[in-house]
N, C-alpha and C. Protein backbone atom coordinates (compact mmCIF):
# COMPACT_ATOMS: atom_id res chain seq x y z
N UNK A 1 37.92 -46.01 -23.65
CA UNK A 1 37.01 -47.12 -23.50
C UNK A 1 37.39 -47.90 -22.25
N UNK A 2 36.43 -48.22 -21.38
CA UNK A 2 36.75 -48.96 -20.15
C UNK A 2 37.13 -50.41 -20.48
N UNK A 3 37.94 -51.01 -19.60
CA UNK A 3 38.32 -52.41 -19.86
C UNK A 3 37.09 -53.31 -19.79
N UNK A 4 37.15 -54.43 -20.49
CA UNK A 4 35.99 -55.33 -20.49
C UNK A 4 35.79 -55.91 -19.08
N UNK A 5 34.57 -56.22 -18.74
CA UNK A 5 34.31 -56.78 -17.41
C UNK A 5 34.95 -58.17 -17.30
N UNK A 6 35.30 -58.56 -16.08
CA UNK A 6 35.89 -59.89 -15.93
C UNK A 6 34.87 -60.96 -16.29
N UNK A 7 35.36 -62.10 -16.71
CA UNK A 7 34.41 -63.17 -17.06
C UNK A 7 33.62 -63.59 -15.82
N UNK A 8 32.41 -64.06 -16.02
CA UNK A 8 31.61 -64.48 -14.87
C UNK A 8 32.28 -65.65 -14.15
N UNK A 9 32.12 -65.66 -12.84
CA UNK A 9 32.68 -66.77 -12.07
C UNK A 9 31.92 -68.05 -12.37
N UNK A 10 32.67 -69.07 -12.51
CA UNK A 10 32.00 -70.36 -12.70
C UNK A 10 31.79 -70.98 -11.34
N UNK A 11 30.79 -71.77 -11.26
CA UNK A 11 30.51 -72.44 -9.98
C UNK A 11 31.64 -73.42 -9.68
N UNK A 12 32.01 -73.45 -8.39
CA UNK A 12 33.02 -74.42 -8.00
C UNK A 12 32.46 -75.81 -8.16
N UNK A 13 33.31 -76.74 -8.51
CA UNK A 13 32.80 -78.10 -8.62
C UNK A 13 32.33 -78.58 -7.25
N UNK A 14 31.33 -79.42 -7.28
CA UNK A 14 30.80 -79.95 -6.02
C UNK A 14 31.89 -80.72 -5.30
N UNK A 15 31.91 -80.58 -4.00
CA UNK A 15 32.89 -81.33 -3.21
C UNK A 15 32.56 -82.81 -3.30
N UNK A 16 33.61 -83.57 -3.31
CA UNK A 16 33.37 -85.00 -3.31
C UNK A 16 33.03 -85.41 -1.89
N UNK A 17 32.16 -86.36 -1.78
CA UNK A 17 31.79 -86.83 -0.46
C UNK A 17 32.90 -87.73 0.07
N UNK A 18 32.89 -87.94 1.36
CA UNK A 18 33.91 -88.77 2.00
C UNK A 18 33.95 -90.15 1.34
N UNK A 19 32.80 -90.67 0.98
CA UNK A 19 32.75 -92.01 0.41
C UNK A 19 33.37 -92.07 -0.97
N UNK A 20 33.51 -90.93 -1.64
CA UNK A 20 34.03 -90.95 -3.00
C UNK A 20 35.38 -90.24 -3.15
N UNK A 21 36.03 -89.98 -2.06
CA UNK A 21 37.34 -89.33 -2.15
C UNK A 21 38.36 -90.28 -2.75
N UNK A 22 39.21 -89.74 -3.61
CA UNK A 22 40.28 -90.58 -4.13
C UNK A 22 41.14 -91.06 -2.97
N UNK A 23 41.58 -92.29 -3.02
CA UNK A 23 42.40 -92.83 -1.96
C UNK A 23 41.60 -93.66 -0.97
N UNK A 24 40.34 -93.34 -0.80
CA UNK A 24 39.52 -94.11 0.14
C UNK A 24 39.38 -95.55 -0.36
N UNK A 25 39.16 -95.69 -1.65
CA UNK A 25 39.03 -97.04 -2.23
C UNK A 25 40.33 -97.82 -2.02
N UNK A 26 41.43 -97.14 -2.18
CA UNK A 26 42.74 -97.79 -1.99
C UNK A 26 42.92 -98.23 -0.53
N UNK A 27 42.51 -97.36 0.41
CA UNK A 27 42.61 -97.70 1.83
C UNK A 27 41.73 -98.90 2.15
N UNK A 28 40.51 -98.89 1.62
CA UNK A 28 39.59 -100.00 1.87
C UNK A 28 40.14 -101.29 1.27
N UNK A 29 40.74 -101.21 0.09
CA UNK A 29 41.33 -102.39 -0.54
C UNK A 29 42.49 -102.91 0.30
N UNK A 30 43.30 -102.00 0.85
CA UNK A 30 44.41 -102.40 1.71
C UNK A 30 43.92 -103.09 2.97
N UNK A 31 42.85 -102.57 3.56
CA UNK A 31 42.29 -103.20 4.76
C UNK A 31 41.71 -104.57 4.43
N UNK A 32 41.06 -104.69 3.27
CA UNK A 32 40.53 -105.98 2.84
C UNK A 32 41.67 -106.98 2.63
N UNK A 33 42.77 -106.51 2.05
CA UNK A 33 43.93 -107.39 1.82
C UNK A 33 44.48 -107.88 3.16
N UNK A 34 44.60 -107.00 4.14
CA UNK A 34 45.08 -107.40 5.46
C UNK A 34 44.16 -108.44 6.09
N UNK A 35 42.86 -108.23 5.96
CA UNK A 35 41.89 -109.18 6.51
C UNK A 35 42.05 -110.55 5.86
N UNK A 36 42.20 -110.58 4.53
CA UNK A 36 42.38 -111.85 3.82
C UNK A 36 43.66 -112.55 4.24
N UNK A 37 44.73 -111.78 4.42
CA UNK A 37 46.00 -112.36 4.86
C UNK A 37 45.85 -112.96 6.25
N UNK A 38 45.21 -112.23 7.15
CA UNK A 38 45.01 -112.73 8.52
C UNK A 38 44.18 -114.01 8.50
N UNK A 39 43.14 -114.06 7.68
CA UNK A 39 42.33 -115.27 7.58
C UNK A 39 43.18 -116.44 7.09
N UNK A 40 44.04 -116.18 6.12
CA UNK A 40 44.93 -117.23 5.61
C UNK A 40 45.92 -117.71 6.66
N UNK A 41 46.44 -116.78 7.45
CA UNK A 41 47.36 -117.16 8.52
C UNK A 41 46.65 -118.01 9.57
N UNK A 42 45.42 -117.64 9.90
CA UNK A 42 44.63 -118.43 10.85
C UNK A 42 44.44 -119.86 10.34
N UNK A 43 44.14 -119.99 9.05
CA UNK A 43 43.96 -121.32 8.47
C UNK A 43 45.25 -122.15 8.51
N UNK A 44 46.39 -121.49 8.45
CA UNK A 44 47.69 -122.18 8.52
C UNK A 44 48.09 -122.51 9.95
N UNK A 45 47.32 -122.02 10.91
CA UNK A 45 47.64 -122.28 12.31
C UNK A 45 48.58 -121.27 12.94
N UNK A 46 48.78 -120.13 12.28
CA UNK A 46 49.62 -119.08 12.84
C UNK A 46 48.81 -118.30 13.86
N UNK A 47 49.46 -117.78 14.88
CA UNK A 47 48.79 -116.96 15.89
C UNK A 47 49.05 -115.49 15.56
N UNK A 48 48.00 -114.77 15.21
CA UNK A 48 48.13 -113.35 14.89
C UNK A 48 48.14 -112.58 16.21
N UNK A 49 49.23 -111.85 16.44
CA UNK A 49 49.39 -111.10 17.68
C UNK A 49 48.78 -109.71 17.59
N UNK A 50 48.93 -109.06 16.44
CA UNK A 50 48.36 -107.73 16.29
C UNK A 50 48.29 -107.34 14.82
N UNK A 51 47.47 -106.32 14.60
CA UNK A 51 47.27 -105.77 13.25
C UNK A 51 47.38 -104.27 13.37
N UNK A 52 48.05 -103.66 12.41
CA UNK A 52 48.20 -102.20 12.36
C UNK A 52 48.78 -101.64 13.66
N UNK A 53 49.85 -102.23 14.12
CA UNK A 53 50.51 -101.78 15.34
C UNK A 53 51.26 -100.48 15.05
N UNK A 54 50.82 -99.40 15.69
CA UNK A 54 51.46 -98.09 15.50
C UNK A 54 52.57 -97.93 16.52
N UNK A 55 53.73 -97.54 16.03
CA UNK A 55 54.88 -97.23 16.87
C UNK A 55 55.37 -95.87 16.41
N UNK A 56 54.93 -94.83 17.10
CA UNK A 56 55.24 -93.47 16.63
C UNK A 56 54.56 -93.25 15.29
N UNK A 57 55.34 -92.85 14.30
CA UNK A 57 54.79 -92.63 12.97
C UNK A 57 54.86 -93.87 12.10
N UNK A 58 55.42 -94.92 12.64
CA UNK A 58 55.58 -96.16 11.88
C UNK A 58 54.45 -97.13 12.19
N UNK A 59 54.20 -98.05 11.26
CA UNK A 59 53.14 -99.02 11.47
C UNK A 59 53.58 -100.39 10.96
N UNK A 60 53.23 -101.41 11.74
CA UNK A 60 53.44 -102.79 11.33
C UNK A 60 52.07 -103.34 10.93
N UNK A 61 51.93 -103.82 9.69
CA UNK A 61 50.62 -104.27 9.20
C UNK A 61 50.09 -105.45 10.01
N UNK A 62 50.87 -106.54 10.06
CA UNK A 62 50.45 -107.74 10.77
C UNK A 62 51.68 -108.32 11.47
N UNK A 63 51.50 -108.71 12.73
CA UNK A 63 52.55 -109.42 13.46
C UNK A 63 51.94 -110.74 13.91
N UNK A 64 52.61 -111.84 13.56
CA UNK A 64 52.10 -113.16 13.89
C UNK A 64 53.23 -114.00 14.47
N UNK A 65 52.84 -115.10 15.11
CA UNK A 65 53.80 -116.02 15.69
C UNK A 65 53.55 -117.41 15.10
N UNK A 66 54.64 -118.07 14.75
CA UNK A 66 54.52 -119.43 14.24
C UNK A 66 55.82 -120.17 14.53
N UNK A 67 55.71 -121.28 15.21
CA UNK A 67 56.89 -122.08 15.51
C UNK A 67 57.90 -121.34 16.38
N UNK A 68 57.43 -120.47 17.27
CA UNK A 68 58.32 -119.71 18.14
C UNK A 68 58.99 -118.53 17.47
N UNK A 69 58.66 -118.29 16.20
CA UNK A 69 59.26 -117.18 15.45
C UNK A 69 58.23 -116.06 15.32
N UNK A 70 58.70 -114.84 15.49
CA UNK A 70 57.85 -113.66 15.32
C UNK A 70 57.94 -113.23 13.86
N UNK A 71 56.80 -113.20 13.18
CA UNK A 71 56.75 -112.82 11.77
C UNK A 71 56.14 -111.43 11.65
N UNK A 72 56.89 -110.51 11.08
CA UNK A 72 56.40 -109.17 10.79
C UNK A 72 56.03 -109.19 9.31
N UNK A 73 54.74 -109.00 9.04
CA UNK A 73 54.24 -109.19 7.68
C UNK A 73 53.77 -107.85 7.11
N UNK A 74 54.45 -107.42 6.08
CA UNK A 74 54.06 -106.22 5.35
C UNK A 74 53.09 -106.67 4.26
N UNK A 75 51.88 -106.12 4.24
CA UNK A 75 50.87 -106.52 3.28
C UNK A 75 50.84 -105.51 2.14
N UNK A 76 50.98 -106.00 0.93
CA UNK A 76 50.94 -105.15 -0.26
C UNK A 76 49.90 -105.70 -1.22
N UNK A 77 49.11 -104.81 -1.82
CA UNK A 77 48.07 -105.28 -2.74
C UNK A 77 48.10 -104.48 -4.03
N UNK A 78 47.54 -105.10 -5.05
CA UNK A 78 47.46 -104.49 -6.37
C UNK A 78 46.18 -104.93 -7.05
N UNK A 79 45.74 -104.12 -7.99
CA UNK A 79 44.66 -104.51 -8.87
C UNK A 79 45.29 -104.73 -10.23
N UNK A 80 45.20 -105.93 -10.73
CA UNK A 80 45.79 -106.27 -12.02
C UNK A 80 47.24 -106.69 -11.87
N UNK A 81 47.75 -107.29 -12.93
CA UNK A 81 49.12 -107.80 -12.91
C UNK A 81 50.08 -106.96 -13.74
N UNK A 82 49.58 -105.89 -14.32
CA UNK A 82 50.38 -105.08 -15.22
C UNK A 82 51.55 -104.35 -14.53
N UNK A 83 51.44 -104.14 -13.23
CA UNK A 83 52.47 -103.36 -12.53
C UNK A 83 53.47 -104.23 -11.79
N UNK A 84 53.43 -105.52 -12.00
CA UNK A 84 54.38 -106.41 -11.34
C UNK A 84 53.88 -106.89 -9.99
N UNK A 85 54.75 -107.65 -9.32
CA UNK A 85 54.40 -108.23 -8.03
C UNK A 85 54.51 -107.17 -6.94
N UNK A 86 53.54 -107.13 -6.04
CA UNK A 86 53.61 -106.16 -4.94
C UNK A 86 54.87 -106.30 -4.09
N UNK A 87 55.46 -107.47 -4.05
CA UNK A 87 56.70 -107.68 -3.31
C UNK A 87 57.77 -106.67 -3.73
N UNK A 88 57.76 -106.33 -5.01
CA UNK A 88 58.77 -105.42 -5.56
C UNK A 88 58.66 -104.01 -4.99
N UNK A 89 57.54 -103.69 -4.36
CA UNK A 89 57.34 -102.33 -3.85
C UNK A 89 57.93 -102.12 -2.46
N UNK A 90 58.47 -103.17 -1.86
CA UNK A 90 59.07 -103.05 -0.53
C UNK A 90 60.56 -102.83 -0.72
N UNK A 91 60.93 -101.57 -0.85
CA UNK A 91 62.32 -101.21 -1.12
C UNK A 91 63.14 -101.06 0.15
N UNK A 92 64.38 -100.64 -0.01
CA UNK A 92 65.29 -100.49 1.14
C UNK A 92 64.79 -99.53 2.21
N UNK A 93 64.16 -98.45 1.83
CA UNK A 93 63.66 -97.49 2.81
C UNK A 93 62.56 -98.09 3.66
N UNK A 94 61.64 -98.80 3.03
CA UNK A 94 60.55 -99.44 3.77
C UNK A 94 61.10 -100.54 4.67
N UNK A 95 62.09 -101.27 4.19
CA UNK A 95 62.70 -102.33 5.00
C UNK A 95 63.35 -101.75 6.25
N UNK A 96 64.06 -100.65 6.09
CA UNK A 96 64.68 -100.00 7.26
C UNK A 96 63.62 -99.50 8.23
N UNK A 97 62.54 -98.93 7.70
CA UNK A 97 61.47 -98.43 8.56
C UNK A 97 60.83 -99.57 9.34
N UNK A 98 60.63 -100.72 8.70
CA UNK A 98 60.07 -101.87 9.40
C UNK A 98 61.01 -102.34 10.51
N UNK A 99 62.31 -102.35 10.23
CA UNK A 99 63.28 -102.74 11.25
C UNK A 99 63.26 -101.79 12.43
N UNK A 100 63.19 -100.49 12.16
CA UNK A 100 63.11 -99.50 13.25
C UNK A 100 61.83 -99.67 14.06
N UNK A 101 60.73 -99.94 13.37
CA UNK A 101 59.45 -100.11 14.06
C UNK A 101 59.47 -101.33 14.97
N UNK A 102 60.07 -102.42 14.51
CA UNK A 102 60.16 -103.62 15.35
C UNK A 102 61.04 -103.35 16.56
N UNK A 103 62.19 -102.73 16.35
CA UNK A 103 63.09 -102.42 17.47
C UNK A 103 62.39 -101.53 18.49
N UNK A 104 61.66 -100.53 18.04
CA UNK A 104 60.95 -99.63 18.95
C UNK A 104 59.81 -100.36 19.67
N UNK A 105 59.10 -101.23 18.96
CA UNK A 105 58.00 -101.97 19.59
C UNK A 105 58.51 -102.92 20.66
N UNK A 106 59.64 -103.56 20.40
CA UNK A 106 60.22 -104.46 21.41
C UNK A 106 60.71 -103.64 22.61
N UNK A 107 61.37 -102.52 22.34
CA UNK A 107 61.88 -101.67 23.42
C UNK A 107 60.75 -101.14 24.31
N UNK A 108 59.59 -100.87 23.71
CA UNK A 108 58.44 -100.35 24.47
C UNK A 108 57.58 -101.45 25.09
N UNK A 109 57.96 -102.69 24.87
CA UNK A 109 57.20 -103.80 25.43
C UNK A 109 55.95 -104.16 24.66
N UNK A 110 55.82 -103.65 23.44
CA UNK A 110 54.65 -103.95 22.61
C UNK A 110 54.77 -105.30 21.93
N UNK A 111 56.00 -105.77 21.75
CA UNK A 111 56.26 -107.08 21.16
C UNK A 111 57.19 -107.84 22.10
N UNK A 112 57.09 -109.18 22.10
CA UNK A 112 57.92 -109.97 23.03
C UNK A 112 59.41 -109.89 22.70
N UNK A 113 60.21 -109.90 23.75
CA UNK A 113 61.67 -109.88 23.60
C UNK A 113 62.21 -111.28 23.38
N UNK A 114 63.43 -111.34 22.88
CA UNK A 114 64.15 -112.60 22.78
C UNK A 114 63.62 -113.58 21.76
N UNK A 115 62.89 -113.10 20.77
CA UNK A 115 62.36 -113.98 19.72
C UNK A 115 63.12 -113.75 18.43
N UNK A 116 63.23 -114.80 17.67
CA UNK A 116 63.74 -114.65 16.30
C UNK A 116 62.67 -113.89 15.52
N UNK A 117 63.09 -112.91 14.74
CA UNK A 117 62.15 -112.09 13.97
C UNK A 117 62.41 -112.32 12.49
N UNK A 118 61.35 -112.57 11.76
CA UNK A 118 61.44 -112.71 10.31
C UNK A 118 60.53 -111.66 9.67
N UNK A 119 61.01 -111.14 8.58
CA UNK A 119 60.25 -110.14 7.83
C UNK A 119 59.66 -110.80 6.59
N UNK A 120 58.34 -110.86 6.54
CA UNK A 120 57.62 -111.47 5.43
C UNK A 120 56.86 -110.39 4.67
N UNK A 121 56.54 -110.68 3.42
CA UNK A 121 55.71 -109.78 2.63
C UNK A 121 54.57 -110.60 2.06
N UNK A 122 53.34 -110.13 2.27
CA UNK A 122 52.17 -110.78 1.70
C UNK A 122 51.72 -109.98 0.48
N UNK A 123 51.65 -110.66 -0.66
CA UNK A 123 51.19 -110.04 -1.90
C UNK A 123 49.76 -110.46 -2.15
N UNK A 124 48.88 -109.48 -2.33
CA UNK A 124 47.48 -109.75 -2.63
C UNK A 124 47.18 -109.06 -3.96
N UNK A 125 46.80 -109.87 -4.97
CA UNK A 125 46.56 -109.31 -6.30
C UNK A 125 45.16 -109.69 -6.76
N UNK A 126 44.34 -108.64 -7.00
CA UNK A 126 43.03 -108.84 -7.61
C UNK A 126 43.26 -108.78 -9.11
N UNK A 127 43.23 -109.94 -9.77
CA UNK A 127 43.54 -109.98 -11.20
C UNK A 127 42.36 -109.55 -12.07
N UNK A 128 41.15 -109.96 -11.67
CA UNK A 128 39.95 -109.61 -12.42
C UNK A 128 38.80 -109.39 -11.45
N UNK A 129 37.88 -108.49 -11.78
CA UNK A 129 36.71 -108.28 -10.92
C UNK A 129 35.91 -109.58 -10.79
N UNK A 130 35.41 -109.83 -9.60
CA UNK A 130 34.59 -111.00 -9.37
C UNK A 130 35.36 -112.29 -9.13
N UNK A 131 36.67 -112.22 -9.23
CA UNK A 131 37.50 -113.40 -9.01
C UNK A 131 38.28 -113.19 -7.71
N UNK A 132 38.31 -114.21 -6.84
CA UNK A 132 39.06 -114.04 -5.59
C UNK A 132 40.52 -113.67 -5.87
N UNK A 133 41.12 -112.88 -5.00
CA UNK A 133 42.50 -112.46 -5.25
C UNK A 133 43.49 -113.60 -5.05
N UNK A 134 44.64 -113.43 -5.66
CA UNK A 134 45.76 -114.36 -5.48
C UNK A 134 46.57 -113.84 -4.30
N UNK A 135 46.79 -114.70 -3.31
CA UNK A 135 47.52 -114.30 -2.11
C UNK A 135 48.76 -115.17 -1.98
N UNK A 136 49.90 -114.52 -1.88
CA UNK A 136 51.17 -115.24 -1.70
C UNK A 136 51.89 -114.61 -0.52
N UNK A 137 52.32 -115.44 0.42
CA UNK A 137 53.10 -114.95 1.54
C UNK A 137 54.55 -115.34 1.30
N UNK A 138 55.37 -114.31 1.11
CA UNK A 138 56.81 -114.51 0.87
C UNK A 138 57.48 -114.52 2.24
N UNK A 139 57.71 -115.72 2.76
CA UNK A 139 58.32 -115.82 4.08
C UNK A 139 59.79 -115.45 3.99
N UNK A 140 60.27 -114.79 5.04
CA UNK A 140 61.67 -114.39 5.13
C UNK A 140 62.09 -113.60 3.88
N UNK A 141 61.24 -112.65 3.49
CA UNK A 141 61.46 -111.88 2.26
C UNK A 141 62.75 -111.06 2.31
N UNK A 142 63.13 -110.63 3.51
CA UNK A 142 64.41 -109.95 3.68
C UNK A 142 64.87 -110.15 5.11
N UNK A 143 66.17 -109.98 5.32
CA UNK A 143 66.78 -110.22 6.61
C UNK A 143 67.03 -108.91 7.34
N UNK A 144 67.18 -109.04 8.65
CA UNK A 144 67.56 -107.88 9.46
C UNK A 144 68.92 -107.36 9.02
N UNK A 145 69.76 -108.24 8.47
CA UNK A 145 71.08 -107.82 7.99
C UNK A 145 70.90 -106.80 6.87
N UNK A 146 69.83 -106.97 6.08
CA UNK A 146 69.56 -106.02 4.98
C UNK A 146 69.24 -104.63 5.49
N UNK A 147 68.92 -104.52 6.78
CA UNK A 147 68.48 -103.25 7.33
C UNK A 147 69.64 -102.36 7.75
N UNK A 148 70.83 -102.89 7.80
CA UNK A 148 71.99 -102.13 8.27
C UNK A 148 72.46 -101.17 7.19
């Protein structure tokens, strides 16, 4: 007796469109969080020098100046409060990467030399749909000494 025929091929699932790819929503939310942080900094009188500064494979979300101090601001966002504060997601590896990115940007002339540099973290949390997010800027969240 011959072996049974293979089962019929099922149609491949339809490809997701670019607008519905997983991760796109997260990217858009991250960009919205950066925009909100920049607007908040403007209202505080801070001078935003750049956004999404690429230095090789590294990126600085927001770089601002206030009171003669250069603030490197890592923006982190979350939906809901169940996963804790976004500040907690900036671990030692990310801190070292930010330090390397700042050093490289200064060496390449992308950021001004001879300035005090502070590393801040902006937490943006959308707690409920339809409600504006809670934004907290943790100034001096970690020191360059932590990067060694």
